[in-house]
PDB file of N, CA and C in Angstrom:
ATOM      1  N   MET A   1       0.820  -1.194   0.000  1.00  0.00           N
ATOM      2  CA  MET A   1       0.000   0.000   0.000  1.00  0.00           C
ATOM      3  C   MET A   1       0.864   1.258   0.000  1.00  0.00           C
ATOM      4  N   TYR A   2       1.992   1.192   0.713  1.00  0.00           N
ATOM      5  CA  TYR A   2       2.879   2.350   0.764  1.00  0.00           C
ATOM      6  C   TYR A   2       3.424   2.666  -0.621  1.00  0.00           C
ATOM      7  N   PHE A   3       3.767   1.623  -1.382  1.00  0.00           N
ATOM      8  CA  PHE A   3       4.308   1.829  -2.725  1.00  0.00           C
ATOM      9  C   PHE A   3       3.278   2.495  -3.630  1.00  0.00           C
ATOM     10  N   VAL A   4       2.025   2.073  -3.516  1.00  0.00           N
ATOM     11  CA  VAL A   4       0.965   2.647  -4.361  1.00  0.00           C
ATOM     12  C   VAL A   4       0.747   4.113  -4.011  1.00  0.00           C
ATOM     13  N   SER A   5       0.666   4.437  -2.724  1.00  0.00           N
ATOM     14  CA  SER A   5       0.430   5.829  -2.345  1.00  0.00           C
ATOM     15  C   SER A   5       1.617   6.705  -2.712  1.00  0.00           C
ATOM     16  N   ARG A   6       2.821   6.185  -2.601  1.00  0.00           N
ATOM     17  CA  ARG A   6       4.003   6.953  -2.998  1.00  0.00           C
ATOM     18  C   ARG A   6       3.997   7.189  -4.506  1.00  0.00           C
ATOM     19  N   THR A   7       3.640   6.183  -5.266  1.00  0.00           N
ATOM     20  CA  THR A   7       3.573   6.330  -6.718  1.00  0.00           C
ATOM     21  C   THR A   7       2.510   7.350  -7.114  1.00  0.00           C
ATOM     22  N   VAL A   8       1.368   7.312  -6.456  1.00  0.00           N
ATOM     23  CA  VAL A   8       0.308   8.282  -6.747  1.00  0.00           C
ATOM     24  C   VAL A   8       0.773   9.697  -6.437  1.00  0.00           C
ATOM     25  N   MET A   9       1.450   9.882  -5.321  1.00  0.00           N
ATOM     26  CA  MET A   9       1.933  11.217  -4.954  1.00  0.00           C
ATOM     27  C   MET A   9       2.972  11.724  -5.949  1.00  0.00           C
ATOM     28  N   TYR A  10       3.894  10.869  -6.381  1.00  0.00           N
ATOM     29  CA  TYR A  10       4.875  11.278  -7.381  1.00  0.00           C
ATOM     30  C   TYR A  10       4.195  11.622  -8.705  1.00  0.00           C
ATOM     31  N   THR A  11       3.202  10.836  -9.079  1.00  0.00           N
ATOM     32  CA  THR A  11       2.487  11.097 -10.328  1.00  0.00           C
ATOM     33  C   THR A  11       1.774  12.442 -10.273  1.00  0.00           C
ATOM     34  N   LEU A  12       1.096  12.730  -9.169  1.00  0.00           N
ATOM     35  CA  LEU A  12       0.407  14.008  -9.035  1.00  0.00           C
ATOM     36  C   LEU A  12       1.386  15.178  -8.997  1.00  0.00           C
ATOM     37  N   ALA A  13       2.535  14.995  -8.351  1.00  0.00           N
ATOM     38  CA  ALA A  13       3.532  16.064  -8.317  1.00  0.00           C
ATOM     39  C   ALA A  13       4.068  16.357  -9.716  1.00  0.00           C
ATOM     40  N   LEU A  14       4.365  15.321 -10.481  1.00  0.00           N
ATOM     41  CA  LEU A  14       4.831  15.528 -11.850  1.00  0.00           C
ATOM     42  C   LEU A  14       3.746  16.167 -12.706  1.00  0.00           C
ATOM     43  N   LEU A  15       2.515  15.750 -12.496  1.00  0.00           N
ATOM     44  CA  LEU A  15       1.407  16.319 -13.248  1.00  0.00           C
ATOM     45  C   LEU A  15       1.270  17.810 -12.992  1.00  0.00           C
ATOM     46  N   VAL A  16       1.369  18.211 -11.744  1.00  0.00           N
ATOM     47  CA  VAL A  16       1.263  19.638 -11.411  1.00  0.00           C
ATOM     48  C   VAL A  16       2.430  20.417 -11.995  1.00  0.00           C
ATOM     49  N   MET A  17       3.644  19.845 -11.921  1.00  0.00           N
ATOM     50  CA  MET A  17       4.809  20.552 -12.478  1.00  0.00           C
ATOM     51  C   MET A  17       4.670  20.757 -13.977  1.00  0.00           C
ATOM     52  N   PHE A  18       4.324  19.698 -14.695  1.00  0.00           N
ATOM     53  CA  PHE A  18       4.230  19.805 -16.147  1.00  0.00           C
ATOM     54  C   PHE A  18       3.050  20.657 -16.588  1.00  0.00           C
ATOM     55  N   SER A  19       1.943  20.564 -15.873  1.00  0.00           N
ATOM     56  CA  SER A  19       0.785  21.358 -16.262  1.00  0.00           C
ATOM     57  C   SER A  19       1.002  22.828 -15.956  1.00  0.00           C
ATOM     58  N   ALA A  20       1.784  23.140 -14.940  1.00  0.00           N
ATOM     59  CA  ALA A  20       2.063  24.541 -14.634  1.00  0.00           C
ATOM     60  C   ALA A  20       2.885  25.176 -15.739  1.00  0.00           C
ATOM     61  N   THR A  21       3.871  24.458 -16.258  1.00  0.00           N
ATOM     62  CA  THR A  21       4.677  25.027 -17.326  1.00  0.00           C
ATOM     63  C   THR A  21       3.897  25.076 -18.637  1.00  0.00           C
ATOM     64  N   ALA A  22       3.083  24.071 -18.901  1.00  0.00           N
ATOM     65  CA  ALA A  22       2.312  24.045 -20.139  1.00  0.00           C
ATOM     66  C   ALA A  22       1.183  25.061 -20.118  1.00  0.00           C
ATOM     67  N   GLY A  23       0.606  25.306 -18.961  1.00  0.00           N
ATOM     68  CA  GLY A  23      -0.532  26.201 -18.872  1.00  0.00           C
ATOM     69  C   GLY A  23      -0.181  27.646 -18.634  1.00  0.00           C
ATOM     70  N   ALA A  24       1.104  27.953 -18.473  1.00  0.00           N
ATOM     71  CA  ALA A  24       1.488  29.330 -18.191  1.00  0.00           C
ATOM     72  C   ALA A  24       1.155  30.258 -19.353  1.00  0.00           C
ATOM     73  N   ALA A  25       1.335  29.791 -20.566  1.00  0.00           N
ATOM     74  CA  ALA A  25       1.056  30.632 -21.732  1.00  0.00           C
ATOM     75  C   ALA A  25      -0.440  30.782 -21.985  1.00  0.00           C
ATOM     76  N   GLU A  26      -1.238  29.859 -21.507  1.00  0.00           N
ATOM     77  CA  GLU A  26      -2.675  29.878 -21.770  1.00  0.00           C
ATOM     78  C   GLU A  26      -3.472  30.578 -20.683  1.00  0.00           C
ATOM     79  N   GLY A  27      -2.823  31.050 -19.655  1.00  0.00           N
ATOM     80  CA  GLY A  27      -3.542  31.724 -18.598  1.00  0.00           C
ATOM     81  C   GLY A  27      -3.942  30.801 -17.462  1.00  0.00           C
ATOM     82  N   GLY A  28      -3.417  29.608 -17.414  1.00  0.00           N
ATOM     83  CA  GLY A  28      -3.669  28.694 -16.304  1.00  0.00           C
ATOM     84  C   GLY A  28      -4.560  27.535 -16.674  1.00  0.00           C
ATOM     85  N   ALA A  29      -3.974  26.402 -16.990  1.00  0.00           N
ATOM     86  CA  ALA A  29      -4.744  25.209 -17.321  1.00  0.00           C
ATOM     87  C   ALA A  29      -4.508  24.117 -16.286  1.00  0.00           C
ATOM     88  N   ILE A  30      -4.101  24.519 -15.102  1.00  0.00           N
ATOM     89  CA  ILE A  30      -3.761  23.533 -14.080  1.00  0.00           C
ATOM     90  C   ILE A  30      -4.966  22.711 -13.637  1.00  0.00           C
ATOM     91  N   PRO A  31      -6.125  23.299 -13.348  1.00  0.00           N
ATOM     92  CA  PRO A  31      -7.253  22.459 -12.899  1.00  0.00           C
ATOM     93  C   PRO A  31      -7.675  21.418 -13.929  1.00  0.00           C
ATOM     94  N   GLY A  32      -7.682  21.779 -15.202  1.00  0.00           N
ATOM     95  CA  GLY A  32      -8.044  20.823 -16.238  1.00  0.00           C
ATOM     96  C   GLY A  32      -7.029  19.708 -16.360  1.00  0.00           C
ATOM     97  N   ALA A  33      -5.748  20.053 -16.231  1.00  0.00           N
ATOM     98  CA  ALA A  33      -4.707  19.033 -16.320  1.00  0.00           C
ATOM     99  C   ALA A  33      -4.764  18.087 -15.132  1.00  0.00           C
ATOM    100  N   ILE A  34      -5.046  18.631 -13.956  1.00  0.00           N
ATOM    101  CA  ILE A  34      -5.164  17.771 -12.779  1.00  0.00           C
ATOM    102  C   ILE A  34      -6.382  16.854 -12.915  1.00  0.00           C
ATOM    103  N   GLY A  35      -7.491  17.402 -13.395  1.00  0.00           N
ATOM    104  CA  GLY A  35      -8.676  16.574 -13.607  1.00  0.00           C
ATOM    105  C   GLY A  35      -8.436  15.481 -14.629  1.00  0.00           C
ATOM    106  N   GLY A  36      -7.755  15.822 -15.720  1.00  0.00           N
ATOM    107  CA  GLY A  36      -7.426  14.806 -16.721  1.00  0.00           C
ATOM    108  C   GLY A  36      -6.496  13.743 -16.165  1.00  0.00           C
ATOM    109  N   GLY A  37      -5.516  14.178 -15.369  1.00  0.00           N
ATOM    110  CA  GLY A  37      -4.591  13.218 -14.760  1.00  0.00           C
ATOM    111  C   GLY A  37      -5.271  12.288 -13.786  1.00  0.00           C
ATOM    112  N   LEU A  38      -6.197  12.826 -13.001  1.00  0.00           N
ATOM    113  CA  LEU A  38      -6.940  11.977 -12.064  1.00  0.00           C
ATOM    114  C   LEU A  38      -7.841  10.990 -12.810  1.00  0.00           C
ATOM    115  N   ALA A  39      -8.395  11.425 -13.940  1.00  0.00           N
ATOM    116  CA  ALA A  39      -9.222  10.515 -14.737  1.00  0.00           C
ATOM    117  C   ALA A  39      -8.381   9.362 -15.282  1.00  0.00           C
ATOM    118  N   VAL A  40      -7.189   9.669 -15.750  1.00  0.00           N
ATOM    119  CA  VAL A  40      -6.297   8.626 -16.272  1.00  0.00           C
ATOM    120  C   VAL A  40      -5.856   7.700 -15.150  1.00  0.00           C
ATOM    121  N   LEU A  41      -5.560   8.272 -13.995  1.00  0.00           N
ATOM    122  CA  LEU A  41      -5.139   7.456 -12.858  1.00  0.00           C
ATOM    123  C   LEU A  41      -6.264   6.508 -12.430  1.00  0.00           C
ATOM    124  N   GLY A  42      -7.485   7.011 -12.385  1.00  0.00           N
ATOM    125  CA  GLY A  42      -8.618   6.165 -12.031  1.00  0.00           C
ATOM    126  C   GLY A  42      -8.852   5.062 -13.052  1.00  0.00           C
ATOM    127  N   ALA A  43      -8.693   5.400 -14.325  1.00  0.00           N
ATOM    128  CA  ALA A  43      -8.869   4.381 -15.366  1.00  0.00           C
ATOM    129  C   ALA A  43      -7.785   3.315 -15.290  1.00  0.00           C
ATOM    130  N   ALA A  44      -6.573   3.732 -14.998  1.00  0.00           N
ATOM    131  CA  ALA A  44      -5.486   2.759 -14.883  1.00  0.00           C
ATOM    132  C   ALA A  44      -5.739   1.786 -13.739  1.00  0.00           C
ATOM    133  N   ILE A  45      -6.210   2.309 -12.625  1.00  0.00           N
ATOM    134  CA  ILE A  45      -6.526   1.434 -11.492  1.00  0.00           C
ATOM    135  C   ILE A  45      -7.690   0.518 -11.849  1.00  0.00           C
ATOM    136  N   GLY A  46      -8.711   1.068 -12.511  1.00  0.00           N
ATOM    137  CA  GLY A  46      -9.868   0.265 -12.892  1.00  0.00           C
ATOM    138  C   GLY A  46      -9.526  -0.852 -13.865  1.00  0.00           C
ATOM    139  N   ILE A  47      -8.734  -0.547 -14.872  1.00  0.00           N
ATOM    140  CA  ILE A  47      -8.361  -1.579 -15.845  1.00  0.00           C
ATOM    141  C   ILE A  47      -7.438  -2.602 -15.199  1.00  0.00           C
ATOM    142  N   GLY A  48      -6.583  -2.158 -14.287  1.00  0.00           N
ATOM    143  CA  GLY A  48      -5.730  -3.110 -13.568  1.00  0.00           C
ATOM    144  C   GLY A  48      -6.532  -4.087 -12.739  1.00  0.00           C
ATOM    145  N   LEU A  49      -7.550  -3.577 -12.030  1.00  0.00           N
ATOM    146  CA  LEU A  49      -8.412  -4.464 -11.251  1.00  0.00           C
ATOM    147  C   LEU A  49      -9.237  -5.378 -12.150  1.00  0.00           C
ATOM    148  N   LEU A  50      -9.648  -4.861 -13.293  1.00  0.00           N
ATOM    149  CA  LEU A  50     -10.399  -5.672 -14.253  1.00  0.00           C
ATOM    150  C   LEU A  50      -9.543  -6.822 -14.775  1.00  0.00           C
ATOM    151  N   ALA A  51      -8.305  -6.523 -15.130  1.00  0.00           N
ATOM    152  CA  ALA A  51      -7.410  -7.571 -15.623  1.00  0.00           C
ATOM    153  C   ALA A  51      -7.090  -8.580 -14.530  1.00  0.00           C
ATOM    154  N   LYS A  52      -6.907  -8.098 -13.309  1.00  0.00           N
ATOM    155  CA  LYS A  52      -6.646  -8.995 -12.174  1.00  0.00           C
ATOM    156  C   LYS A  52      -7.797  -9.978 -11.989  1.00  0.00           C
ATOM    157  N   GLY A  53      -9.019  -9.446 -12.023  1.00  0.00           N
ATOM    158  CA  GLY A  53     -10.178 -10.314 -11.870  1.00  0.00           C
ATOM    159  C   GLY A  53     -10.313 -11.316 -13.008  1.00  0.00           C
ATOM    160  N   ALA A  54     -10.010 -10.863 -14.225  1.00  0.00           N
ATOM    161  CA  ALA A  54     -10.120 -11.769 -15.368  1.00  0.00           C
ATOM    162  C   ALA A  54      -9.087 -12.885 -15.295  1.00  0.00           C
ATOM    163  N   VAL A  55      -7.870 -12.550 -14.918  1.00  0.00           N
ATOM    164  CA  VAL A  55      -6.829 -13.578 -14.821  1.00  0.00           C
ATOM    165  C   VAL A  55      -7.161 -14.575 -13.713  1.00  0.00           C
ATOM    166  N   GLU A  56      -7.667 -14.073 -12.579  1.00  0.00           N
ATOM    167  CA  GLU A  56      -8.058 -14.988 -11.512  1.00  0.00           C
ATOM    168  C   GLU A  56      -9.212 -15.891 -11.937  1.00  0.00           C
ATOM    169  N   SER A  57     -10.162 -15.341 -12.688  1.00  0.00           N
ATOM    170  CA  SER A  57     -11.289 -16.150 -13.164  1.00  0.00           C
ATOM    171  C   SER A  57     -10.841 -17.206 -14.158  1.00  0.00           C
ATOM    172  N   ILE A  58      -9.926 -16.827 -15.038  1.00  0.00           N
ATOM    173  CA  ILE A  58      -9.410 -17.802 -16.018  1.00  0.00           C
ATOM    174  C   ILE A  58      -8.611 -18.897 -15.308  1.00  0.00           C
ATOM    175  N   ALA A  59      -7.910 -18.525 -14.247  1.00  0.00           N
ATOM    176  CA  ALA A  59      -7.152 -19.532 -13.504  1.00  0.00           C
ATOM    177  C   ALA A  59      -8.089 -20.528 -12.817  1.00  0.00           C
ATOM    178  N   ARG A  60      -9.251 -20.055 -12.380  1.00  0.00           N
ATOM    179  CA  ARG A  60     -10.214 -20.949 -11.725  1.00  0.00           C
ATOM    180  C   ARG A  60     -10.976 -21.801 -12.726  1.00  0.00           C
ATOM    181  N   GLN A  61     -11.329 -21.203 -13.882  1.00  0.00           N
ATOM    182  CA  GLN A  61     -12.092 -21.924 -14.900  1.00  0.00           C
ATOM    183  C   GLN A  61     -11.452 -21.715 -16.270  1.00  0.00           C
ATOM    184  N   PRO A  62     -10.439 -22.494 -16.595  1.00  0.00           N
ATOM    185  CA  PRO A  62      -9.748 -22.310 -17.875  1.00  0.00           C
ATOM    186  C   PRO A  62     -10.646 -22.531 -19.093  1.00  0.00           C
ATOM    187  N   GLU A  63     -11.697 -23.348 -18.951  1.00  0.00           N
ATOM    188  CA  GLU A  63     -12.563 -23.610 -20.106  1.00  0.00           C
ATOM    189  C   GLU A  63     -13.411 -22.400 -20.478  1.00  0.00           C
ATOM    190  N   ALA A  64     -13.545 -21.431 -19.598  1.00  0.00           N
ATOM    191  CA  ALA A  64     -14.340 -20.231 -19.878  1.00  0.00           C
ATOM    192  C   ALA A  64     -13.459 -19.046 -20.267  1.00  0.00           C
ATOM    193  N   ALA A  65     -12.227 -19.316 -20.672  1.00  0.00           N
ATOM    194  CA  ALA A  65     -11.277 -18.239 -20.953  1.00  0.00           C
ATOM    195  C   ALA A  65     -11.750 -17.331 -22.079  1.00  0.00           C
ATOM    196  N   GLY A  66     -12.318 -17.878 -23.126  1.00  0.00           N
ATOM    197  CA  GLY A  66     -12.760 -17.072 -24.263  1.00  0.00           C
ATOM    198  C   GLY A  66     -13.845 -16.077 -23.889  1.00  0.00           C
ATOM    199  N   VAL A  67     -14.831 -16.535 -23.150  1.00  0.00           N
ATOM    200  CA  VAL A  67     -15.933 -15.664 -22.734  1.00  0.00           C
ATOM    201  C   VAL A  67     -15.429 -14.589 -21.783  1.00  0.00           C
ATOM    202  N   ILE A  68     -14.555 -14.964 -20.866  1.00  0.00           N
ATOM    203  CA  ILE A  68     -14.032 -14.007 -19.902  1.00  0.00           C
ATOM    204  C   ILE A  68     -13.199 -12.938 -20.611  1.00  0.00           C
ATOM    205  N   GLN A  69     -12.394 -13.350 -21.580  1.00  0.00           N
ATOM    206  CA  GLN A  69     -11.571 -12.376 -22.296  1.00  0.00           C
ATOM    207  C   GLN A  69     -12.419 -11.395 -23.087  1.00  0.00           C
ATOM    208  N   VAL A  70     -13.447 -11.879 -23.738  1.00  0.00           N
ATOM    209  CA  VAL A  70     -14.322 -10.979 -24.503  1.00  0.00           C
ATOM    210  C   VAL A  70     -15.009  -9.981 -23.579  1.00  0.00           C
ATOM    211  N   ASN A  71     -15.531 -10.471 -22.450  1.00  0.00           N
ATOM    212  CA  ASN A  71     -16.173  -9.565 -21.505  1.00  0.00           C
ATOM    213  C   ASN A  71     -15.187  -8.567 -20.917  1.00  0.00           C
ATOM    214  N   MET A  72     -13.955  -8.995 -20.675  1.00  0.00           N
ATOM    215  CA  MET A  72     -12.941  -8.091 -20.151  1.00  0.00           C
ATOM    216  C   MET A  72     -12.609  -6.996 -21.159  1.00  0.00           C
ATOM    217  N   ILE A  73     -12.486  -7.351 -22.412  1.00  0.00           N
ATOM    218  CA  ILE A  73     -12.161  -6.363 -23.441  1.00  0.00           C
ATOM    219  C   ILE A  73     -13.305  -5.366 -23.605  1.00  0.00           C
ATOM    220  N   ILE A  74     -14.532  -5.826 -23.573  1.00  0.00           N
ATOM    221  CA  ILE A  74     -15.681  -4.911 -23.681  1.00  0.00           C
ATOM    222  C   ILE A  74     -15.707  -3.947 -22.496  1.00  0.00           C
ATOM    223  N   ALA A  75     -15.481  -4.457 -21.292  1.00  0.00           N
ATOM    224  CA  ALA A  75     -15.459  -3.584 -20.116  1.00  0.00           C
ATOM    225  C   ALA A  75     -14.310  -2.590 -20.188  1.00  0.00           C
ATOM    226  N   ALA A  76     -13.145  -3.017 -20.675  1.00  0.00           N
ATOM    227  CA  ALA A  76     -12.001  -2.111 -20.805  1.00  0.00           C
ATOM    228  C   ALA A  76     -12.292  -1.001 -21.817  1.00  0.00           C
ATOM    229  N   VAL A  77     -13.006  -1.324 -22.878  1.00  0.00           N
ATOM    230  CA  VAL A  77     -13.371  -0.308 -23.866  1.00  0.00           C
ATOM    231  C   VAL A  77     -14.290   0.738 -23.237  1.00  0.00           C
ATOM    232  N   PHE A  78     -15.243   0.298 -22.430  1.00  0.00           N
ATOM    233  CA  PHE A  78     -16.130   1.257 -21.762  1.00  0.00           C
ATOM    234  C   PHE A  78     -15.359   2.142 -20.780  1.00  0.00           C
ATOM    235  N   ILE A  79     -14.404   1.557 -20.067  1.00  0.00           N
ATOM    236  CA  ILE A  79     -13.589   2.343 -19.140  1.00  0.00           C
ATOM    237  C   ILE A  79     -12.761   3.369 -19.908  1.00  0.00           C
ATOM    238  N   GLU A  80     -12.161   2.946 -21.007  1.00  0.00           N
ATOM    239  CA  GLU A  80     -11.352   3.863 -21.824  1.00  0.00           C
ATOM    240  C   GLU A  80     -12.214   4.989 -22.396  1.00  0.00           C
ATOM    241  N   GLY A  81     -13.426   4.673 -22.838  1.00  0.00           N
ATOM    242  CA  GLY A  81     -14.310   5.703 -23.388  1.00  0.00           C
ATOM    243  C   GLY A  81     -14.715   6.722 -22.344  1.00  0.00           C
ATOM    244  N   ALA A  82     -15.049   6.255 -21.153  1.00  0.00           N
ATOM    245  CA  ALA A  82     -15.405   7.185 -20.079  1.00  0.00           C
ATOM    246  C   ALA A  82     -14.212   8.037 -19.677  1.00  0.00           C
ATOM    247  N   THR A  83     -13.028   7.451 -19.704  1.00  0.00           N
ATOM    248  CA  THR A  83     -11.820   8.205 -19.370  1.00  0.00           C
ATOM    249  C   THR A  83     -11.541   9.278 -20.406  1.00  0.00           C
ATOM    250  N   LEU A  84     -11.677   8.948 -21.665  1.00  0.00           N
ATOM    251  CA  LEU A  84     -11.458   9.939 -22.715  1.00  0.00           C
ATOM    252  C   LEU A  84     -12.444  11.095 -22.583  1.00  0.00           C
ATOM    253  N   PHE A  85     -13.690  10.773 -22.293  1.00  0.00           N
ATOM    254  CA  PHE A  85     -14.695  11.819 -22.087  1.00  0.00           C
ATOM    255  C   PHE A  85     -14.317  12.699 -20.898  1.00  0.00           C
ATOM    256  N   ALA A  86     -13.860  12.093 -19.805  1.00  0.00           N
ATOM    257  CA  ALA A  86     -13.484  12.862 -18.619  1.00  0.00           C
ATOM    258  C   ALA A  86     -12.274  13.748 -18.899  1.00  0.00           C
ATOM    259  N   ILE A  87     -11.327  13.273 -19.685  1.00  0.00           N
ATOM    260  CA  ILE A  87     -10.155  14.083 -20.027  1.00  0.00           C
ATOM    261  C   ILE A  87     -10.573  15.286 -20.856  1.00  0.00           C
ATOM    262  N   ILE A  88     -11.422  15.067 -21.838  1.00  0.00           N
ATOM    263  CA  ILE A  88     -11.857  16.181 -22.697  1.00  0.00           C
ATOM    264  C   ILE A  88     -12.635  17.207 -21.884  1.00  0.00           C
ATOM    265  N   VAL A  89     -13.538  16.763 -21.045  1.00  0.00           N
ATOM    266  CA  VAL A  89     -14.306  17.694 -20.214  1.00  0.00           C
ATOM    267  C   VAL A  89     -13.382  18.439 -19.255  1.00  0.00           C
ATOM    268  N   GLY A  90     -12.429  17.723 -18.669  1.00  0.00           N
ATOM    269  CA  GLY A  90     -11.501  18.362 -17.748  1.00  0.00           C
ATOM    270  C   GLY A  90     -10.631  19.406 -18.417  1.00  0.00           C
ATOM    271  N   LEU A  91     -10.174  19.123 -19.617  1.00  0.00           N
ATOM    272  CA  LEU A  91      -9.303  20.071 -20.303  1.00  0.00           C
ATOM    273  C   LEU A  91     -10.072  21.240 -20.911  1.00  0.00           C
ATOM    274  N   LEU A  92     -11.361  21.085 -21.148  1.00  0.00           N
ATOM    275  CA  LEU A  92     -12.152  22.204 -21.655  1.00  0.00           C
ATOM    276  C   LEU A  92     -12.547  23.175 -20.552  1.00  0.00           C
ATOM    277  N   GLN A  93     -12.522  22.719 -19.305  1.00  0.00           N
ATOM    278  CA  GLN A  93     -12.873  23.591 -18.182  1.00  0.00           C
ATOM    279  C   GLN A  93     -11.641  24.377 -17.767  1.00  0.00           C
ATOM    280  N   ASN A  94     -11.695  25.692 -17.903  1.00  0.00           N
ATOM    281  CA  ASN A  94     -10.585  26.548 -17.506  1.00  0.00           C
ATOM    282  C   ASN A  94     -11.135  27.749 -16.762  1.00  0.00           C
ATOM    283  N   PRO A  95     -11.198  27.674 -15.441  1.00  0.00           N
ATOM    284  CA  PRO A  95     -11.792  28.774 -14.694  1.00  0.00           C
ATOM    285  C   PRO A  95     -10.946  30.045 -14.681  1.00  0.00           C
ATOM    286  N   PHE A  96      -9.683  29.938 -15.111  1.00  0.00           N
ATOM    287  CA  PHE A  96      -8.794  31.100 -15.082  1.00  0.00           C
ATOM    288  C   PHE A  96      -8.723  31.821 -16.411  1.00  0.00           C
ATOM    289  N   ALA A  97      -9.467  31.353 -17.405  1.00  0.00           N
ATOM    290  CA  ALA A  97      -9.429  32.011 -18.714  1.00  0.00           C
ATOM    291  C   ALA A  97     -10.078  33.381 -18.617  1.00  0.00           C
ATOM    292  N   ALA A  98      -9.535  34.307 -19.365  1.00  0.00           N
ATOM    293  CA  ALA A  98     -10.076  35.660 -19.360  1.00  0.00           C
ATOM    294  C   ALA A  98     -11.420  35.671 -20.070  1.00  0.00           C
ATOM    295  N   SER A  99     -12.434  36.174 -19.408  1.00  0.00           N
ATOM    296  CA  SER A  99     -13.757  36.250 -20.034  1.00  0.00           C
ATOM    297  C   SER A  99     -13.903  37.598 -20.708  1.00  0.00           C
ATOM    298  N   ASN A 100     -14.423  37.567 -21.897  1.00  0.00           N
ATOM    299  CA  ASN A 100     -14.581  38.821 -22.664  1.00  0.00           C
ATOM    300  C   ASN A 100     -15.954  39.393 -22.520  1.00  0.00           C
TER     301      ASN A 100
END
């Protein structure tokens, strides 16, 4: 658990550093970058747990491997689609943009 929390903290620190330099010219895109990063982090954890469950299920019932793999791929596609939507919404939200 310590390794996971340390990795998450390093990832968020790098995300803030890179988004601060990238967003400086645009007037501040840090909140959108953090939201996009959190969406990717959540998707990575979700797909990892999905793959873990699928591998454990295949180990218990090898004859059902084909069905389990198809269901795993469909679920991973839905997770990826929701993540892409969250990234786009997060990056379009910029509360620091100058309003005209």
